C-alpha atoms as a PDB file:
ATOM      1  CA  MET A   1      -8.436   5.242 -20.380  1.00  0.00           C
ATOM      2  CA  PRO A   2     -10.803   6.241 -17.361  1.00  0.00           C
ATOM      3  CA  ASP A   3      -9.436   7.243 -14.036  1.00  0.00           C
ATOM      4  CA  PRO A   4      -9.011   4.186 -11.970  1.00  0.00           C
ATOM      5  CA  ASN A   5     -10.177   5.886  -8.709  1.00  0.00           C
ATOM      6  CA  GLU A   6     -13.353   7.135 -10.132  1.00  0.00           C
ATOM      7  CA  LEU A   7     -16.847   5.132 -10.182  1.00  0.00           C
ATOM      8  CA  LEU A   8     -17.291   3.222 -13.407  1.00  0.00           C
ATOM      9  CA  THR A   9     -20.616   3.945 -15.058  1.00  0.00           C
ATOM     10  CA  GLN A  10     -20.245   1.328 -18.015  1.00  0.00           C
ATOM     11  CA  PRO A  11     -18.162  -1.804 -18.478  1.00  0.00           C
ATOM     12  CA  LEU A  12     -14.777  -1.916 -19.626  1.00  0.00           C
ATOM     13  CA  ARG A  13     -14.374  -3.221 -23.056  1.00  0.00           C
ATOM     14  CA  ASN A  14     -12.209  -6.539 -22.388  1.00  0.00           C
ATOM     15  CA  LEU A  15      -9.913  -8.454 -19.900  1.00  0.00           C
ATOM     16  CA  ASP A  16      -6.894  -6.491 -20.605  1.00  0.00           C
ATOM     17  CA  ALA A  17      -8.731  -3.205 -20.091  1.00  0.00           C
ATOM     18  CA  TRP A  18      -9.970  -4.460 -16.460  1.00  0.00           C
ATOM     19  CA  THR A  19      -6.709  -5.749 -15.729  1.00  0.00           C
ATOM     20  CA  ASP A  20      -4.951  -2.096 -16.440  1.00  0.00           C
ATOM     21  CA  HIS A  21      -7.730  -0.534 -14.609  1.00  0.00           C
ATOM     22  CA  PHE A  22      -7.281  -2.340 -11.316  1.00  0.00           C
ATOM     23  CA  ARG A  23      -3.559  -2.258 -11.581  1.00  0.00           C
ATOM     24  CA  ARG A  24      -3.434   1.519 -11.620  1.00  0.00           C
ATOM     25  CA  ALA A  25      -6.198   1.819  -8.863  1.00  0.00           C
ATOM     26  CA  GLU A  26      -5.190   2.981  -5.519  1.00  0.00           C
ATOM     27  CA  ILE A  27      -5.967   0.248  -2.849  1.00  0.00           C
ATOM     28  CA  PRO A  28      -7.840   1.860   0.144  1.00  0.00           C
ATOM     29  CA  VAL A  29      -6.927   0.697   3.470  1.00  0.00           C
ATOM     30  CA  LEU A  30      -8.702   0.705   6.844  1.00  0.00           C
ATOM     31  CA  ALA A  31      -9.498   4.100   8.685  1.00  0.00           C
ATOM     32  CA  GLN A  32      -7.411   2.704  11.821  1.00  0.00           C
ATOM     33  CA  THR A  33      -4.694   1.845   9.453  1.00  0.00           C
ATOM     34  CA  ALA A  34      -4.538   5.398   7.875  1.00  0.00           C
ATOM     35  CA  GLU A  35      -4.725   6.828  11.119  1.00  0.00           C
ATOM     36  CA  ALA A  36      -2.079   4.858  12.816  1.00  0.00           C
ATOM     37  CA  ILE A  37       0.243   5.496   9.995  1.00  0.00           C
ATOM     38  CA  GLU A  38      -0.275   9.100  10.508  1.00  0.00           C
ATOM     39  CA  ALA A  39       0.198   9.148  14.383  1.00  0.00           C
ATOM     40  CA  MET A  40       3.728   6.794  13.580  1.00  0.00           C
ATOM     41  CA  ARG A  41       4.851   9.533  10.735  1.00  0.00           C
ATOM     42  CA  ALA A  42       4.472  12.195  13.435  1.00  0.00           C
ATOM     43  CA  ASN A  43       6.819  10.342  15.652  1.00  0.00           C
ATOM     44  CA  GLU A  44       9.040   8.466  12.680  1.00  0.00           C
ATOM     45  CA  ASP A  45      12.347   8.379  14.710  1.00  0.00           C
ATOM     46  CA  ASP A  46      10.483   6.413  17.459  1.00  0.00           C
ATOM     47  CA  VAL A  47       9.004   3.540  15.128  1.00  0.00           C
ATOM     48  CA  ASP A  48      11.001   0.660  13.883  1.00  0.00           C
ATOM     49  CA  ALA A  49      10.108  -1.935  10.873  1.00  0.00           C
ATOM     50  CA  ASN A  50       8.467  -4.381  13.652  1.00  0.00           C
ATOM     51  CA  THR A  51       5.965  -1.620  15.039  1.00  0.00           C
ATOM     52  CA  ILE A  52       4.867  -1.004  11.435  1.00  0.00           C
ATOM     53  CA  GLY A  53       5.033  -4.306  10.305  1.00  0.00           C
ATOM     54  CA  GLU A  54       2.536  -5.372  13.323  1.00  0.00           C
ATOM     55  CA  MET A  55       0.253  -2.540  12.465  1.00  0.00           C
ATOM     56  CA  VAL A  56       0.075  -3.077   8.579  1.00  0.00           C
ATOM     57  CA  ALA A  57      -0.453  -6.819   9.399  1.00  0.00           C
ATOM     58  CA  ASN A  58      -3.968  -6.100  10.761  1.00  0.00           C
ATOM     59  CA  ASP A  59      -5.142  -4.704   7.521  1.00  0.00           C
ATOM     60  CA  PRO A  60      -4.945  -7.122   4.694  1.00  0.00           C
ATOM     61  CA  LEU A  61      -5.432  -4.457   1.962  1.00  0.00           C
ATOM     62  CA  MET A  62      -2.194  -2.388   3.393  1.00  0.00           C
ATOM     63  CA  THR A  63      -0.337  -5.737   3.506  1.00  0.00           C
ATOM     64  CA  LEU A  64      -1.194  -6.114  -0.032  1.00  0.00           C
ATOM     65  CA  LYS A  65      -0.221  -2.553  -0.955  1.00  0.00           C
ATOM     66  CA  VAL A  66       3.201  -3.091   0.898  1.00  0.00           C
ATOM     67  CA  LEU A  67       3.877  -6.295  -0.678  1.00  0.00           C
ATOM     68  CA  ALA A  68       3.001  -5.175  -4.194  1.00  0.00           C
ATOM     69  CA  TYR A  69       5.166  -2.040  -4.006  1.00  0.00           C
ATOM     70  CA  ALA A  70       8.061  -4.233  -2.644  1.00  0.00           C
ATOM     71  CA  ALA A  71       7.657  -6.751  -5.785  1.00  0.00           C
ATOM     72  CA  THR A  72       7.626  -3.784  -8.362  1.00  0.00           C
ATOM     73  CA  HIS A  73      10.640  -1.848  -6.822  1.00  0.00           C
ATOM     74  CA  ARG A  74      12.942  -4.441  -5.867  1.00  0.00           C
ATOM     75  CA  SER A  75      16.636  -4.031  -6.301  1.00  0.00           C
ATOM     76  CA  ALA A  76      18.333  -5.955  -9.340  1.00  0.00           C
ATOM     77  CA  ARG A  77      20.845  -7.451  -6.789  1.00  0.00           C
ATOM     78  CA  MET A  78      17.770  -8.952  -4.946  1.00  0.00           C
ATOM     79  CA  VAL A  79      17.171 -12.753  -6.185  1.00  0.00           C
ATOM     80  CA  THR A  80      13.879 -13.342  -4.713  1.00  0.00           C
ATOM     81  CA  ASP A  81      11.051 -11.316  -3.155  1.00  0.00           C
ATOM     82  CA  THR A  82      10.714 -10.393   0.530  1.00  0.00           C
ATOM     83  CA  GLU A  83       8.159 -12.481   2.006  1.00  0.00           C
ATOM     84  CA  THR A  84       6.740 -10.578   4.972  1.00  0.00           C
ATOM     85  CA  VAL A  85       5.925  -6.806   5.571  1.00  0.00           C
ATOM     86  CA  THR A  86       8.491  -6.541   8.075  1.00  0.00           C
ATOM     87  CA  ALA A  87      11.426  -7.928   5.850  1.00  0.00           C
ATOM     88  CA  THR A  88       9.967  -5.246   3.202  1.00  0.00           C
ATOM     89  CA  LEU A  89      10.154  -2.414   5.669  1.00  0.00           C
ATOM     90  CA  VAL A  90      13.583  -3.391   6.778  1.00  0.00           C
ATOM     91  CA  MET A  91      14.870  -3.489   2.926  1.00  0.00           C
ATOM     92  CA  MET A  92      12.783  -0.381   2.259  1.00  0.00           C
ATOM     93  CA  GLY A  93      13.700   1.718   5.337  1.00  0.00           C
ATOM     94  CA  ILE A  94      11.342   3.864   7.688  1.00  0.00           C
ATOM     95  CA  SER A  95      11.502   7.136   5.991  1.00  0.00           C
ATOM     96  CA  PRO A  96      11.102   5.757   2.632  1.00  0.00           C
ATOM     97  CA  PHE A  97       7.833   3.855   3.729  1.00  0.00           C
ATOM     98  CA  PHE A  98       6.598   7.096   5.023  1.00  0.00           C
ATOM     99  CA  ARG A  99       7.360   9.118   1.674  1.00  0.00           C
ATOM    100  CA  VAL A 100       5.857   6.223  -0.225  1.00  0.00           C
ATOM    101  CA  PHE A 101       2.965   5.717   1.774  1.00  0.00           C
ATOM    102  CA  GLY A 102       1.427   8.851   2.379  1.00  0.00           C
ATOM    103  CA  PRO A 103      -1.906   9.795   3.401  1.00  0.00           C
ATOM    104  CA  GLN A 104      -4.142   6.745   2.738  1.00  0.00           C
ATOM    105  CA  PRO A 105      -7.421   6.695   1.158  1.00  0.00           C
ATOM    106  CA  THR A 106      -9.622   4.623   3.340  1.00  0.00           C
ATOM    107  CA  ILE A 107     -12.383   2.091   2.766  1.00  0.00           C
ATOM    108  CA  GLU A 108     -14.710   3.846   4.875  1.00  0.00           C
ATOM    109  CA  GLN A 109     -14.299   7.158   2.749  1.00  0.00           C
ATOM    110  CA  ARG A 110     -14.809   4.928  -0.590  1.00  0.00           C
ATOM    111  CA  LEU A 111     -18.075   3.277   0.765  1.00  0.00           C
ATOM    112  CA  GLN A 112     -19.641   6.726   1.932  1.00  0.00           C
END
């Protein structure tokens, strides 16, 4: 199976292959989001879920990444998924957020 983060040079064989490809592909974010995450990481003790949530809410792809992560890593005790990025961050914690979402690939880098 090809690396989902490399350019495809030929079509994949079927819908299952395309689905698998996109499930494994890393989603890039806006450069301003990647920069903001790194700035907040440097001052992790001074940020809270609301601050990160507001920043993430300005980037639809980062929002998708956070909510997708929450959906696949929720506790067995939780009956429903979290519905907002801020709720996800509260459940996840600030330090774990920065561990999981390290330096982010950017859309601008991909489009070069």
